[in-house]
Amino acid sequence: MISKAEKRKWVISKSKDIERVLRIGEKFENELFLLSILKNKNFKVAFITQRTKKAVDRNWLKRRIKILYTKFKNEYCFSGEIVFLIKNKALKYSFHHLVERFHSLLEETFEKRKINNKERDSC
């Protein structure tokens, strides 16, 4: 389990920082996700959703995407400040479809990490 102090190191928590990444960062998109990356030395990540009528739906989507992120984070070289925006359409799809679309977006965006630990550390 990750402590709250450790989590704060890699999470973008201020709305002005999220807006800056969305405004200035390089964008990659598919029908369910928008990924915005601002390349710099820091590694931070945020998961946001479009507004829905129910907070339950927004939180459900965020939980699903955080699960997907932890599943794929060791396969790709993540660097910079990254914002994952989940579109409302994602509520209509199964978890299996979310996995496929999330993985395809990551493949388009990031280089695959090598199995070799030396190369993994250099990312």
PDB file of N, CA and C in Angstrom:
ATOM      1  N   MET A   1       0.843  -1.182   0.000  1.00  0.00           N
ATOM      2  CA  MET A   1       0.000   0.000   0.000  1.00  0.00           C
ATOM      3  C   MET A   1       0.885   1.242   0.000  1.00  0.00           C
ATOM      4  N   ILE A   2       0.527   2.218  -0.800  1.00  0.00           N
ATOM      5  CA  ILE A   2       1.290   3.452  -0.906  1.00  0.00           C
ATOM      6  C   ILE A   2       0.805   4.434   0.156  1.00  0.00           C
ATOM      7  N   SER A   3       1.747   5.013   0.896  1.00  0.00           N
ATOM      8  CA  SER A   3       1.376   5.986   1.913  1.00  0.00           C
ATOM      9  C   SER A   3       0.932   7.291   1.242  1.00  0.00           C
ATOM     10  N   LYS A   4       0.223   8.107   1.993  1.00  0.00           N
ATOM     11  CA  LYS A   4      -0.257   9.378   1.444  1.00  0.00           C
ATOM     12  C   LYS A   4       0.898  10.300   1.087  1.00  0.00           C
ATOM     13  N   ALA A   5       1.970  10.270   1.876  1.00  0.00           N
ATOM     14  CA  ALA A   5       3.133  11.114   1.583  1.00  0.00           C
ATOM     15  C   ALA A   5       3.792  10.718   0.273  1.00  0.00           C
ATOM     16  N   GLU A   6       3.916   9.415   0.032  1.00  0.00           N
ATOM     17  CA  GLU A   6       4.496   8.937  -1.220  1.00  0.00           C
ATOM     18  C   GLU A   6       3.606   9.282  -2.396  1.00  0.00           C
ATOM     19  N   LYS A   7       2.296   9.163  -2.218  1.00  0.00           N
ATOM     20  CA  LYS A   7       1.348   9.444  -3.287  1.00  0.00           C
ATOM     21  C   LYS A   7       1.403  10.911  -3.700  1.00  0.00           C
ATOM     22  N   ARG A   8       1.571  11.808  -2.740  1.00  0.00           N
ATOM     23  CA  ARG A   8       1.611  13.240  -3.042  1.00  0.00           C
ATOM     24  C   ARG A   8       2.766  13.605  -3.955  1.00  0.00           C
ATOM     25  N   LYS A   9       3.822  12.819  -3.937  1.00  0.00           N
ATOM     26  CA  LYS A   9       4.992  13.119  -4.756  1.00  0.00           C
ATOM     27  C   LYS A   9       4.700  12.997  -6.240  1.00  0.00           C
ATOM     28  N   TRP A  10       3.804  12.101  -6.624  1.00  0.00           N
ATOM     29  CA  TRP A  10       3.581  11.861  -8.053  1.00  0.00           C
ATOM     30  C   TRP A  10       2.174  12.178  -8.534  1.00  0.00           C
ATOM     31  N   VAL A  11       1.375  12.856  -7.729  1.00  0.00           N
ATOM     32  CA  VAL A  11       0.012  13.212  -8.137  1.00  0.00           C
ATOM     33  C   VAL A  11      -0.086  14.723  -8.346  1.00  0.00           C
ATOM     34  N   ILE A  12      -0.667  15.127  -9.476  1.00  0.00           N
ATOM     35  CA  ILE A  12      -0.951  16.545  -9.715  1.00  0.00           C
ATOM     36  C   ILE A  12      -2.251  16.850  -8.971  1.00  0.00           C
ATOM     37  N   SER A  13      -2.161  17.702  -7.966  1.00  0.00           N
ATOM     38  CA  SER A  13      -3.338  17.924  -7.135  1.00  0.00           C
ATOM     39  C   SER A  13      -3.990  19.292  -7.337  1.00  0.00           C
ATOM     40  N   LYS A  14      -3.237  20.257  -7.814  1.00  0.00           N
ATOM     41  CA  LYS A  14      -3.795  21.607  -7.966  1.00  0.00           C
ATOM     42  C   LYS A  14      -4.470  21.739  -9.329  1.00  0.00           C
ATOM     43  N   SER A  15      -5.659  22.323  -9.326  1.00  0.00           N
ATOM     44  CA  SER A  15      -6.408  22.472 -10.570  1.00  0.00           C
ATOM     45  C   SER A  15      -5.687  23.361 -11.571  1.00  0.00           C
ATOM     46  N   LYS A  16      -4.947  24.360 -11.099  1.00  0.00           N
ATOM     47  CA  LYS A  16      -4.212  25.229 -12.021  1.00  0.00           C
ATOM     48  C   LYS A  16      -3.110  24.455 -12.743  1.00  0.00           C
ATOM     49  N   ASP A  17      -2.484  23.476 -12.066  1.00  0.00           N
ATOM     50  CA  ASP A  17      -1.465  22.644 -12.708  1.00  0.00           C
ATOM     51  C   ASP A  17      -2.088  21.711 -13.745  1.00  0.00           C
ATOM     52  N   ILE A  18      -3.255  21.167 -13.434  1.00  0.00           N
ATOM     53  CA  ILE A  18      -3.963  20.300 -14.383  1.00  0.00           C
ATOM     54  C   ILE A  18      -4.368  21.102 -15.614  1.00  0.00           C
ATOM     55  N   GLU A  19      -4.900  22.294 -15.407  1.00  0.00           N
ATOM     56  CA  GLU A  19      -5.292  23.158 -16.533  1.00  0.00           C
ATOM     57  C   GLU A  19      -4.096  23.525 -17.401  1.00  0.00           C
ATOM     58  N   ARG A  20      -2.949  23.779 -16.765  1.00  0.00           N
ATOM     59  CA  ARG A  20      -1.734  24.122 -17.507  1.00  0.00           C
ATOM     60  C   ARG A  20      -1.294  22.956 -18.392  1.00  0.00           C
ATOM     61  N   VAL A  21      -1.329  21.744 -17.856  1.00  0.00           N
ATOM     62  CA  VAL A  21      -0.949  20.564 -18.646  1.00  0.00           C
ATOM     63  C   VAL A  21      -1.931  20.367 -19.796  1.00  0.00           C
ATOM     64  N   LEU A  22      -3.219  20.549 -19.543  1.00  0.00           N
ATOM     65  CA  LEU A  22      -4.223  20.392 -20.601  1.00  0.00           C
ATOM     66  C   LEU A  22      -4.084  21.476 -21.675  1.00  0.00           C
ATOM     67  N   ARG A  23      -3.720  22.673 -21.274  1.00  0.00           N
ATOM     68  CA  ARG A  23      -3.614  23.784 -22.216  1.00  0.00           C
ATOM     69  C   ARG A  23      -2.330  23.718 -23.044  1.00  0.00           C
ATOM     70  N   ILE A  24      -1.193  23.449 -22.399  1.00  0.00           N
ATOM     71  CA  ILE A  24       0.105  23.533 -23.060  1.00  0.00           C
ATOM     72  C   ILE A  24       0.599  22.178 -23.570  1.00  0.00           C
ATOM     73  N   GLY A  25       0.212  21.106 -22.899  1.00  0.00           N
ATOM     74  CA  GLY A  25       0.777  19.793 -23.186  1.00  0.00           C
ATOM     75  C   GLY A  25       0.406  19.231 -24.549  1.00  0.00           C
ATOM     76  N   GLU A  26       1.199  18.253 -24.970  1.00  0.00           N
ATOM     77  CA  GLU A  26       0.934  17.536 -26.221  1.00  0.00           C
ATOM     78  C   GLU A  26      -0.231  16.579 -25.986  1.00  0.00           C
ATOM     79  N   LYS A  27      -1.188  16.549 -26.912  1.00  0.00           N
ATOM     80  CA  LYS A  27      -2.422  15.780 -26.703  1.00  0.00           C
ATOM     81  C   LYS A  27      -2.499  14.565 -27.620  1.00  0.00           C
ATOM     82  N   PHE A  28      -2.992  13.467 -27.036  1.00  0.00           N
ATOM     83  CA  PHE A  28      -3.279  12.239 -27.760  1.00  0.00           C
ATOM     84  C   PHE A  28      -4.685  11.833 -27.348  1.00  0.00           C
ATOM     85  N   GLU A  29      -5.460  11.323 -28.334  1.00  0.00           N
ATOM     86  CA  GLU A  29      -6.880  11.124 -28.043  1.00  0.00           C
ATOM     87  C   GLU A  29      -7.424   9.926 -28.799  1.00  0.00           C
ATOM     88  N   ASN A  30      -8.378   9.246 -28.155  1.00  0.00           N
ATOM     89  CA  ASN A  30      -9.229   8.290 -28.850  1.00  0.00           C
ATOM     90  C   ASN A  30     -10.666   8.556 -28.395  1.00  0.00           C
ATOM     91  N   GLU A  31     -11.592   7.666 -28.712  1.00  0.00           N
ATOM     92  CA  GLU A  31     -12.993   7.988 -28.425  1.00  0.00           C
ATOM     93  C   GLU A  31     -13.335   8.019 -26.938  1.00  0.00           C
ATOM     94  N   LEU A  32     -12.482   7.409 -26.076  1.00  0.00           N
ATOM     95  CA  LEU A  32     -12.792   7.355 -24.649  1.00  0.00           C
ATOM     96  C   LEU A  32     -11.870   8.186 -23.762  1.00  0.00           C
ATOM     97  N   PHE A  33     -10.664   8.477 -24.247  1.00  0.00           N
ATOM     98  CA  PHE A  33      -9.667   9.143 -23.412  1.00  0.00           C
ATOM     99  C   PHE A  33      -8.982  10.280 -24.145  1.00  0.00           C
ATOM    100  N   LEU A  34      -8.552  11.262 -23.357  1.00  0.00           N
ATOM    101  CA  LEU A  34      -7.657  12.304 -23.853  1.00  0.00           C
ATOM    102  C   LEU A  34      -6.456  12.274 -22.914  1.00  0.00           C
ATOM    103  N   LEU A  35      -5.284  12.199 -23.500  1.00  0.00           N
ATOM    104  CA  LEU A  35      -4.051  12.145 -22.734  1.00  0.00           C
ATOM    105  C   LEU A  35      -3.239  13.383 -23.074  1.00  0.00           C
ATOM    106  N   SER A  36      -2.881  14.161 -22.071  1.00  0.00           N
ATOM    107  CA  SER A  36      -2.094  15.371 -22.280  1.00  0.00           C
ATOM    108  C   SER A  36      -0.794  15.233 -21.510  1.00  0.00           C
ATOM    109  N   ILE A  37       0.326  15.480 -22.202  1.00  0.00           N
ATOM    110  CA  ILE A  37       1.644  15.302 -21.602  1.00  0.00           C
ATOM    111  C   ILE A  37       2.426  16.602 -21.726  1.00  0.00           C
ATOM    112  N   LEU A  38       2.934  17.070 -20.605  1.00  0.00           N
ATOM    113  CA  LEU A  38       3.822  18.221 -20.575  1.00  0.00           C
ATOM    114  C   LEU A  38       5.191  17.696 -20.173  1.00  0.00           C
ATOM    115  N   LYS A  39       6.104  17.699 -21.127  1.00  0.00           N
ATOM    116  CA  LYS A  39       7.418  17.109 -20.877  1.00  0.00           C
ATOM    117  C   LYS A  39       8.257  18.041 -20.012  1.00  0.00           C
ATOM    118  N   ASN A  40       8.731  17.497 -18.899  1.00  0.00           N
ATOM    119  CA  ASN A  40       9.670  18.183 -18.017  1.00  0.00           C
ATOM    120  C   ASN A  40      10.356  17.141 -17.135  1.00  0.00           C
ATOM    121  N   LYS A  41      11.132  17.581 -16.151  1.00  0.00           N
ATOM    122  CA  LYS A  41      11.900  16.657 -15.321  1.00  0.00           C
ATOM    123  C   LYS A  41      11.034  15.922 -14.306  1.00  0.00           C
ATOM    124  N   ASN A  42       9.966  16.548 -13.867  1.00  0.00           N
ATOM    125  CA  ASN A  42       9.099  15.950 -12.848  1.00  0.00           C
ATOM    126  C   ASN A  42       8.233  14.870 -13.456  1.00  0.00           C
ATOM    127  N   PHE A  43       7.930  13.842 -12.662  1.00  0.00           N
ATOM    128  CA  PHE A  43       6.913  12.887 -13.080  1.00  0.00           C
ATOM    129  C   PHE A  43       5.736  13.047 -12.138  1.00  0.00           C
ATOM    130  N   LYS A  44       4.598  13.448 -12.716  1.00  0.00           N
ATOM    131  CA  LYS A  44       3.357  13.564 -11.957  1.00  0.00           C
ATOM    132  C   LYS A  44       2.213  13.156 -12.863  1.00  0.00           C
ATOM    133  N   VAL A  45       1.135  12.677 -12.259  1.00  0.00           N
ATOM    134  CA  VAL A  45       0.002  12.200 -13.033  1.00  0.00           C
ATOM    135  C   VAL A  45      -1.305  12.624 -12.363  1.00  0.00           C
ATOM    136  N   ALA A  46      -2.338  12.836 -13.183  1.00  0.00           N
ATOM    137  CA  ALA A  46      -3.676  13.161 -12.673  1.00  0.00           C
ATOM    138  C   ALA A  46      -4.708  12.425 -13.515  1.00  0.00           C
ATOM    139  N   PHE A  47      -5.793  12.037 -12.871  1.00  0.00           N
ATOM    140  CA  PHE A  47      -6.906  11.374 -13.541  1.00  0.00           C
ATOM    141  C   PHE A  47      -8.139  12.239 -13.333  1.00  0.00           C
ATOM    142  N   ILE A  48      -8.715  12.724 -14.426  1.00  0.00           N
ATOM    143  CA  ILE A  48      -9.895  13.570 -14.324  1.00  0.00           C
ATOM    144  C   ILE A  48     -10.972  13.042 -15.271  1.00  0.00           C
ATOM    145  N   THR A  49     -12.213  13.430 -14.999  1.00  0.00           N
ATOM    146  CA  THR A  49     -13.332  13.018 -15.850  1.00  0.00           C
ATOM    147  C   THR A  49     -14.104  14.250 -16.289  1.00  0.00           C
ATOM    148  N   GLN A  50     -14.858  14.061 -17.358  1.00  0.00           N
ATOM    149  CA  GLN A  50     -15.790  15.107 -17.741  1.00  0.00           C
ATOM    150  C   GLN A  50     -16.919  15.117 -16.719  1.00  0.00           C
ATOM    151  N   ARG A  51     -17.593  16.229 -16.605  1.00  0.00           N
ATOM    152  CA  ARG A  51     -18.687  16.338 -15.638  1.00  0.00           C
ATOM    153  C   ARG A  51     -19.839  15.417 -16.020  1.00  0.00           C
ATOM    154  N   THR A  52     -20.329  14.715 -15.028  1.00  0.00           N
ATOM    155  CA  THR A  52     -21.539  13.905 -15.195  1.00  0.00           C
ATOM    156  C   THR A  52     -22.525  14.327 -14.118  1.00  0.00           C
ATOM    157  N   LYS A  53     -23.740  13.852 -14.237  1.00  0.00           N
ATOM    158  CA  LYS A  53     -24.750  14.222 -13.246  1.00  0.00           C
ATOM    159  C   LYS A  53     -24.461  13.597 -11.881  1.00  0.00           C
ATOM    160  N   LYS A  54     -23.835  12.429 -11.887  1.00  0.00           N
ATOM    161  CA  LYS A  54     -23.615  11.710 -10.641  1.00  0.00           C
ATOM    162  C   LYS A  54     -22.122  11.596 -10.327  1.00  0.00           C
ATOM    163  N   ALA A  55     -21.768  11.991  -9.112  1.00  0.00           N
ATOM    164  CA  ALA A  55     -20.387  11.860  -8.666  1.00  0.00           C
ATOM    165  C   ALA A  55     -19.977  10.387  -8.602  1.00  0.00           C
ATOM    166  N   VAL A  56     -20.947   9.519  -8.338  1.00  0.00           N
ATOM    167  CA  VAL A  56     -20.679   8.080  -8.284  1.00  0.00           C
ATOM    168  C   VAL A  56     -20.088   7.601  -9.609  1.00  0.00           C
ATOM    169  N   ASP A  57     -20.634   8.086 -10.706  1.00  0.00           N
ATOM    170  CA  ASP A  57     -20.138   7.694 -12.029  1.00  0.00           C
ATOM    171  C   ASP A  57     -18.717   8.210 -12.263  1.00  0.00           C
ATOM    172  N   ARG A  58     -18.471   9.459 -11.900  1.00  0.00           N
ATOM    173  CA  ARG A  58     -17.125  10.025 -12.067  1.00  0.00           C
ATOM    174  C   ARG A  58     -16.109   9.239 -11.253  1.00  0.00           C
ATOM    175  N   ASN A  59     -16.440   8.941 -10.014  1.00  0.00           N
ATOM    176  CA  ASN A  59     -15.511   8.201  -9.153  1.00  0.00           C
ATOM    177  C   ASN A  59     -15.302   6.776  -9.645  1.00  0.00           C
ATOM    178  N   TRP A  60     -16.351   6.160 -10.173  1.00  0.00           N
ATOM    179  CA  TRP A  60     -16.238   4.798 -10.725  1.00  0.00           C
ATOM    180  C   TRP A  60     -15.252   4.794 -11.889  1.00  0.00           C
ATOM    181  N   LEU A  61     -15.376   5.780 -12.779  1.00  0.00           N
ATOM    182  CA  LEU A  61     -14.453   5.874 -13.915  1.00  0.00           C
ATOM    183  C   LEU A  61     -13.016   6.099 -13.451  1.00  0.00           C
ATOM    184  N   LYS A  62     -12.827   6.981 -12.499  1.00  0.00           N
ATOM    185  CA  LYS A  62     -11.472   7.248 -12.002  1.00  0.00           C
ATOM    186  C   LYS A  62     -10.852   5.997 -11.392  1.00  0.00           C
ATOM    187  N   ARG A  63     -11.632   5.251 -10.631  1.00  0.00           N
ATOM    188  CA  ARG A  63     -11.110   4.007 -10.039  1.00  0.00           C
ATOM    189  C   ARG A  63     -10.702   3.028 -11.113  1.00  0.00           C
ATOM    190  N   ARG A  64     -11.516   2.894 -12.143  1.00  0.00           N
ATOM    191  CA  ARG A  64     -11.195   1.967 -13.243  1.00  0.00           C
ATOM    192  C   ARG A  64      -9.906   2.376 -13.949  1.00  0.00           C
ATOM    193  N   ILE A  65      -9.745   3.654 -14.214  1.00  0.00           N
ATOM    194  CA  ILE A  65      -8.569   4.122 -14.939  1.00  0.00           C
ATOM    195  C   ILE A  65      -7.322   4.024 -14.070  1.00  0.00           C
ATOM    196  N   LYS A  66      -7.449   4.255 -12.780  1.00  0.00           N
ATOM    197  CA  LYS A  66      -6.291   4.078 -11.893  1.00  0.00           C
ATOM    198  C   LYS A  66      -5.842   2.617 -11.876  1.00  0.00           C
ATOM    199  N   ILE A  67      -6.794   1.696 -11.926  1.00  0.00           N
ATOM    200  CA  ILE A  67      -6.461   0.277 -12.010  1.00  0.00           C
ATOM    201  C   ILE A  67      -5.712  -0.011 -13.303  1.00  0.00           C
ATOM    202  N   LEU A  68      -6.190   0.540 -14.410  1.00  0.00           N
ATOM    203  CA  LEU A  68      -5.522   0.338 -15.699  1.00  0.00           C
ATOM    204  C   LEU A  68      -4.127   0.951 -15.690  1.00  0.00           C
ATOM    205  N   TYR A  69      -3.998   2.125 -15.110  1.00  0.00           N
ATOM    206  CA  TYR A  69      -2.692   2.785 -15.045  1.00  0.00           C
ATOM    207  C   TYR A  69      -1.695   1.916 -14.272  1.00  0.00           C
ATOM    208  N   THR A  70      -2.096   1.409 -13.116  1.00  0.00           N
ATOM    209  CA  THR A  70      -1.177   0.578 -12.339  1.00  0.00           C
ATOM    210  C   THR A  70      -0.847  -0.724 -13.062  1.00  0.00           C
ATOM    211  N   LYS A  71      -1.789  -1.218 -13.857  1.00  0.00           N
ATOM    212  CA  LYS A  71      -1.539  -2.437 -14.635  1.00  0.00           C
ATOM    213  C   LYS A  71      -0.470  -2.213 -15.701  1.00  0.00           C
ATOM    214  N   PHE A  72      -0.494  -1.059 -16.377  1.00  0.00           N
ATOM    215  CA  PHE A  72       0.395  -0.802 -17.505  1.00  0.00           C
ATOM    216  C   PHE A  72       1.599   0.079 -17.178  1.00  0.00           C
ATOM    217  N   LYS A  73       1.712   0.599 -15.955  1.00  0.00           N
ATOM    218  CA  LYS A  73       2.767   1.574 -15.679  1.00  0.00           C
ATOM    219  C   LYS A  73       4.176   0.997 -15.802  1.00  0.00           C
ATOM    220  N   ASN A  74       4.351  -0.293 -15.612  1.00  0.00           N
ATOM    221  CA  ASN A  74       5.683  -0.883 -15.733  1.00  0.00           C
ATOM    222  C   ASN A  74       6.058  -1.236 -17.164  1.00  0.00           C
ATOM    223  N   GLU A  75       5.124  -1.133 -18.090  1.00  0.00           N
ATOM    224  CA  GLU A  75       5.394  -1.471 -19.486  1.00  0.00           C
ATOM    225  C   GLU A  75       5.834  -0.274 -20.323  1.00  0.00           C
ATOM    226  N   TYR A  76       5.583   0.933 -19.845  1.00  0.00           N
ATOM    227  CA  TYR A  76       5.838   2.133 -20.644  1.00  0.00           C
ATOM    228  C   TYR A  76       6.716   3.112 -19.891  1.00  0.00           C
ATOM    229  N   CYS A  77       7.410   3.947 -20.643  1.00  0.00           N
ATOM    230  CA  CYS A  77       8.263   4.994 -20.068  1.00  0.00           C
ATOM    231  C   CYS A  77       7.419   6.246 -19.854  1.00  0.00           C
ATOM    232  N   PHE A  78       6.939   6.427 -18.661  1.00  0.00           N
ATOM    233  CA  PHE A  78       6.173   7.627 -18.340  1.00  0.00           C
ATOM    234  C   PHE A  78       7.139   8.698 -17.855  1.00  0.00           C
ATOM    235  N   SER A  79       7.041   9.887 -18.423  1.00  0.00           N
ATOM    236  CA  SER A  79       7.863  11.002 -17.950  1.00  0.00           C
ATOM    237  C   SER A  79       7.092  12.295 -18.161  1.00  0.00           C
ATOM    238  N   GLY A  80       7.399  13.296 -17.360  1.00  0.00           N
ATOM    239  CA  GLY A  80       6.706  14.565 -17.452  1.00  0.00           C
ATOM    240  C   GLY A  80       5.433  14.574 -16.632  1.00  0.00           C
ATOM    241  N   GLU A  81       4.650  15.601 -16.829  1.00  0.00           N
ATOM    242  CA  GLU A  81       3.363  15.711 -16.148  1.00  0.00           C
ATOM    243  C   GLU A  81       2.292  15.192 -17.097  1.00  0.00           C
ATOM    244  N   ILE A  82       1.493  14.251 -16.620  1.00  0.00           N
ATOM    245  CA  ILE A  82       0.526  13.560 -17.471  1.00  0.00           C
ATOM    246  C   ILE A  82      -0.866  13.711 -16.880  1.00  0.00           C
ATOM    247  N   VAL A  83      -1.826  14.074 -17.734  1.00  0.00           N
ATOM    248  CA  VAL A  83      -3.227  14.143 -17.323  1.00  0.00           C
ATOM    249  C   VAL A  83      -4.029  13.196 -18.208  1.00  0.00           C
ATOM    250  N   PHE A  84      -4.722  12.260 -17.569  1.00  0.00           N
ATOM    251  CA  PHE A  84      -5.640  11.358 -18.260  1.00  0.00           C
ATOM    252  C   PHE A  84      -7.043  11.902 -18.063  1.00  0.00           C
ATOM    253  N   LEU A  85      -7.695  12.328 -19.145  1.00  0.00           N
ATOM    254  CA  LEU A  85      -9.083  12.788 -19.079  1.00  0.00           C
ATOM    255  C   LEU A  85      -9.963  11.670 -19.619  1.00  0.00           C
ATOM    256  N   ILE A  86     -10.922  11.238 -18.817  1.00  0.00           N
ATOM    257  CA  ILE A  86     -11.816  10.162 -19.202  1.00  0.00           C
ATOM    258  C   ILE A  86     -13.130  10.780 -19.662  1.00  0.00           C
ATOM    259  N   LYS A  87     -13.549  10.431 -20.858  1.00  0.00           N
ATOM    260  CA  LYS A  87     -14.775  10.993 -21.416  1.00  0.00           C
ATOM    261  C   LYS A  87     -15.998  10.240 -20.898  1.00  0.00           C
ATOM    262  N   ASN A  88     -17.141  10.909 -20.915  1.00  0.00           N
ATOM    263  CA  ASN A  88     -18.375  10.314 -20.405  1.00  0.00           C
ATOM    264  C   ASN A  88     -18.804   9.064 -21.164  1.00  0.00           C
ATOM    265  N   LYS A  89     -18.411   8.955 -22.422  1.00  0.00           N
ATOM    266  CA  LYS A  89     -18.756   7.768 -23.215  1.00  0.00           C
ATOM    267  C   LYS A  89     -18.267   6.490 -22.545  1.00  0.00           C
ATOM    268  N   ALA A  90     -17.206   6.596 -21.749  1.00  0.00           N
ATOM    269  CA  ALA A  90     -16.607   5.422 -21.119  1.00  0.00           C
ATOM    270  C   ALA A  90     -17.580   4.703 -20.183  1.00  0.00           C
ATOM    271  N   LEU A  91     -18.594   5.406 -19.704  1.00  0.00           N
ATOM    272  CA  LEU A  91     -19.588   4.774 -18.827  1.00  0.00           C
ATOM    273  C   LEU A  91     -20.375   3.679 -19.536  1.00  0.00           C
ATOM    274  N   LYS A  92     -20.495   3.779 -20.848  1.00  0.00           N
ATOM    275  CA  LYS A  92     -21.320   2.841 -21.619  1.00  0.00           C
ATOM    276  C   LYS A  92     -20.600   1.533 -21.928  1.00  0.00           C
ATOM    277  N   TYR A  93     -19.275   1.499 -21.735  1.00  0.00           N
ATOM    278  CA  TYR A  93     -18.505   0.353 -22.186  1.00  0.00           C
ATOM    279  C   TYR A  93     -18.097  -0.558 -21.030  1.00  0.00           C
ATOM    280  N   SER A  94     -17.830  -1.802 -21.383  1.00  0.00           N
ATOM    281  CA  SER A  94     -17.387  -2.778 -20.388  1.00  0.00           C
ATOM    282  C   SER A  94     -15.941  -2.491 -19.988  1.00  0.00           C
ATOM    283  N   PHE A  95     -15.532  -3.079 -18.886  1.00  0.00           N
ATOM    284  CA  PHE A  95     -14.160  -2.898 -18.428  1.00  0.00           C
ATOM    285  C   PHE A  95     -13.176  -3.452 -19.450  1.00  0.00           C
ATOM    286  N   HIS A  96     -13.515  -4.549 -20.096  1.00  0.00           N
ATOM    287  CA  HIS A  96     -12.654  -5.145 -21.117  1.00  0.00           C
ATOM    288  C   HIS A  96     -12.409  -4.156 -22.267  1.00  0.00           C
ATOM    289  N   HIS A  97     -13.445  -3.466 -22.698  1.00  0.00           N
ATOM    290  CA  HIS A  97     -13.300  -2.480 -23.769  1.00  0.00           C
ATOM    291  C   HIS A  97     -12.441  -1.296 -23.302  1.00  0.00           C
ATOM    292  N   LEU A  98     -12.605  -0.869 -22.041  1.00  0.00           N
ATOM    293  CA  LEU A  98     -11.783   0.210 -21.500  1.00  0.00           C
ATOM    294  C   LEU A  98     -10.309  -0.187 -21.507  1.00  0.00           C
ATOM    295  N   VAL A  99     -10.028  -1.453 -21.141  1.00  0.00           N
ATOM    296  CA  VAL A  99      -8.652  -1.945 -21.146  1.00  0.00           C
ATOM    297  C   VAL A  99      -8.074  -1.857 -22.554  1.00  0.00           C
ATOM    298  N   GLU A 100      -8.814  -2.319 -23.539  1.00  0.00           N
ATOM    299  CA  GLU A 100      -8.332  -2.301 -24.930  1.00  0.00           C
ATOM    300  C   GLU A 100      -8.047  -0.876 -25.413  1.00  0.00           C
ATOM    301  N   ARG A 101      -8.964   0.026 -25.174  1.00  0.00           N
ATOM    302  CA  ARG A 101      -8.804   1.401 -25.657  1.00  0.00           C
ATOM    303  C   ARG A 101      -7.691   2.137 -24.898  1.00  0.00           C
ATOM    304  N   PHE A 102      -7.576   1.898 -23.603  1.00  0.00           N
ATOM    305  CA  PHE A 102      -6.526   2.525 -22.811  1.00  0.00           C
ATOM    306  C   PHE A 102      -5.156   2.024 -23.270  1.00  0.00           C
ATOM    307  N   HIS A 103      -5.051   0.724 -23.482  1.00  0.00           N
ATOM    308  CA  HIS A 103      -3.790   0.132 -23.923  1.00  0.00           C
ATOM    309  C   HIS A 103      -3.410   0.631 -25.314  1.00  0.00           C
ATOM    310  N   SER A 104      -4.362   0.739 -26.208  1.00  0.00           N
ATOM    311  CA  SER A 104      -4.045   1.232 -27.557  1.00  0.00           C
ATOM    312  C   SER A 104      -3.578   2.685 -27.513  1.00  0.00           C
ATOM    313  N   LEU A 105      -4.167   3.494 -26.641  1.00  0.00           N
ATOM    314  CA  LEU A 105      -3.729   4.883 -26.494  1.00  0.00           C
ATOM    315  C   LEU A 105      -2.297   4.944 -25.970  1.00  0.00           C
ATOM    316  N   LEU A 106      -1.989   4.115 -24.985  1.00  0.00           N
ATOM    317  CA  LEU A 106      -0.632   4.089 -24.447  1.00  0.00           C
ATOM    318  C   LEU A 106       0.373   3.620 -25.493  1.00  0.00           C
ATOM    319  N   GLU A 107      -0.005   2.623 -26.290  1.00  0.00           N
ATOM    320  CA  GLU A 107       0.896   2.130 -27.334  1.00  0.00           C
ATOM    321  C   GLU A 107       1.200   3.218 -28.354  1.00  0.00           C
ATOM    322  N   GLU A 108       0.211   3.997 -28.705  1.00  0.00           N
ATOM    323  CA  GLU A 108       0.417   5.088 -29.652  1.00  0.00           C
ATOM    324  C   GLU A 108       1.308   6.179 -29.061  1.00  0.00           C
ATOM    325  N   THR A 109       1.270   6.338 -27.758  1.00  0.00           N
ATOM    326  CA  THR A 109       1.891   7.475 -27.108  1.00  0.00           C
ATOM    327  C   THR A 109       3.310   7.201 -26.597  1.00  0.00           C
ATOM    328  N   PHE A 110       3.502   6.103 -25.925  1.00  0.00           N
ATOM    329  CA  PHE A 110       4.758   5.857 -25.224  1.00  0.00           C
ATOM    330  C   PHE A 110       5.554   4.724 -25.857  1.00  0.00           C
ATOM    331  N   GLU A 111       6.863   4.781 -25.658  1.00  0.00           N
ATOM    332  CA  GLU A 111       7.722   3.689 -26.079  1.00  0.00           C
ATOM    333  C   GLU A 111       7.527   2.538 -25.103  1.00  0.00           C
ATOM    334  N   LYS A 112       7.555   1.325 -25.640  1.00  0.00           N
ATOM    335  CA  LYS A 112       7.482   0.155 -24.772  1.00  0.00           C
ATOM    336  C   LYS A 112       8.756   0.065 -23.952  1.00  0.00           C
ATOM    337  N   ARG A 113       8.604  -0.258 -22.686  1.00  0.00           N
ATOM    338  CA  ARG A 113       9.782  -0.496 -21.861  1.00  0.00           C
ATOM    339  C   ARG A 113      10.345  -1.865 -22.162  1.00  0.00           C
ATOM    340  N   LYS A 114      11.620  -1.976 -22.028  1.00  0.00           N
ATOM    341  CA  LYS A 114      12.275  -3.263 -22.225  1.00  0.00           C
ATOM    342  C   LYS A 114      12.179  -4.075 -20.937  1.00  0.00           C
ATOM    343  N   ILE A 115      12.321  -5.381 -21.058  1.00  0.00           N
ATOM    344  CA  ILE A 115      12.286  -6.254 -19.900  1.00  0.00           C
ATOM    345  C   ILE A 115      13.537  -6.046 -19.044  1.00  0.00           C
ATOM    346  N   ASN A 116      14.629  -5.665 -19.680  1.00  0.00           N
ATOM    347  CA  ASN A 116      15.889  -5.471 -18.988  1.00  0.00           C
ATOM    348  C   ASN A 116      15.753  -4.354 -17.943  1.00  0.00           C
ATOM    349  N   ASN A 117      16.101  -4.648 -16.686  1.00  0.00           N
ATOM    350  CA  ASN A 117      15.953  -3.674 -15.607  1.00  0.00           C
ATOM    351  C   ASN A 117      16.809  -2.438 -15.795  1.00  0.00           C
ATOM    352  N   LYS A 118      17.992  -2.568 -16.421  1.00  0.00           N
ATOM    353  CA  LYS A 118      18.857  -1.405 -16.630  1.00  0.00           C
ATOM    354  C   LYS A 118      18.154  -0.389 -17.509  1.00  0.00           C
ATOM    355  N   GLU A 119      17.517  -0.858 -18.564  1.00  0.00           N
ATOM    356  CA  GLU A 119      16.810   0.042 -19.465  1.00  0.00           C
ATOM    357  C   GLU A 119      15.555   0.592 -18.798  1.00  0.00           C
ATOM    358  N   ARG A 120      14.940  -0.184 -17.941  1.00  0.00           N
ATOM    359  CA  ARG A 120      13.739   0.269 -17.235  1.00  0.00           C
ATOM    360  C   ARG A 120      14.083   1.433 -16.315  1.00  0.00           C
ATOM    361  N   ASP A 121      15.238   1.345 -15.637  1.00  0.00           N
ATOM    362  CA  ASP A 121      15.646   2.414 -14.726  1.00  0.00           C
ATOM    363  C   ASP A 121      15.969   3.706 -15.462  1.00  0.00           C
ATOM    364  N   SER A 122      16.382   3.602 -16.706  1.00  0.00           N
ATOM    365  CA  SER A 122      16.759   4.804 -17.468  1.00  0.00           C
ATOM    366  C   SER A 122      15.569   5.592 -17.977  1.00  0.00           C
ATOM    367  N   CYS A 123      14.373   5.050 -17.911  1.00  0.00           N
ATOM    368  CA  CYS A 123      13.182   5.739 -18.418  1.00  0.00           C
ATOM    369  C   CYS A 123      12.823   6.919 -17.600  1.00  0.00           C
TER     370      CYS A 123
END
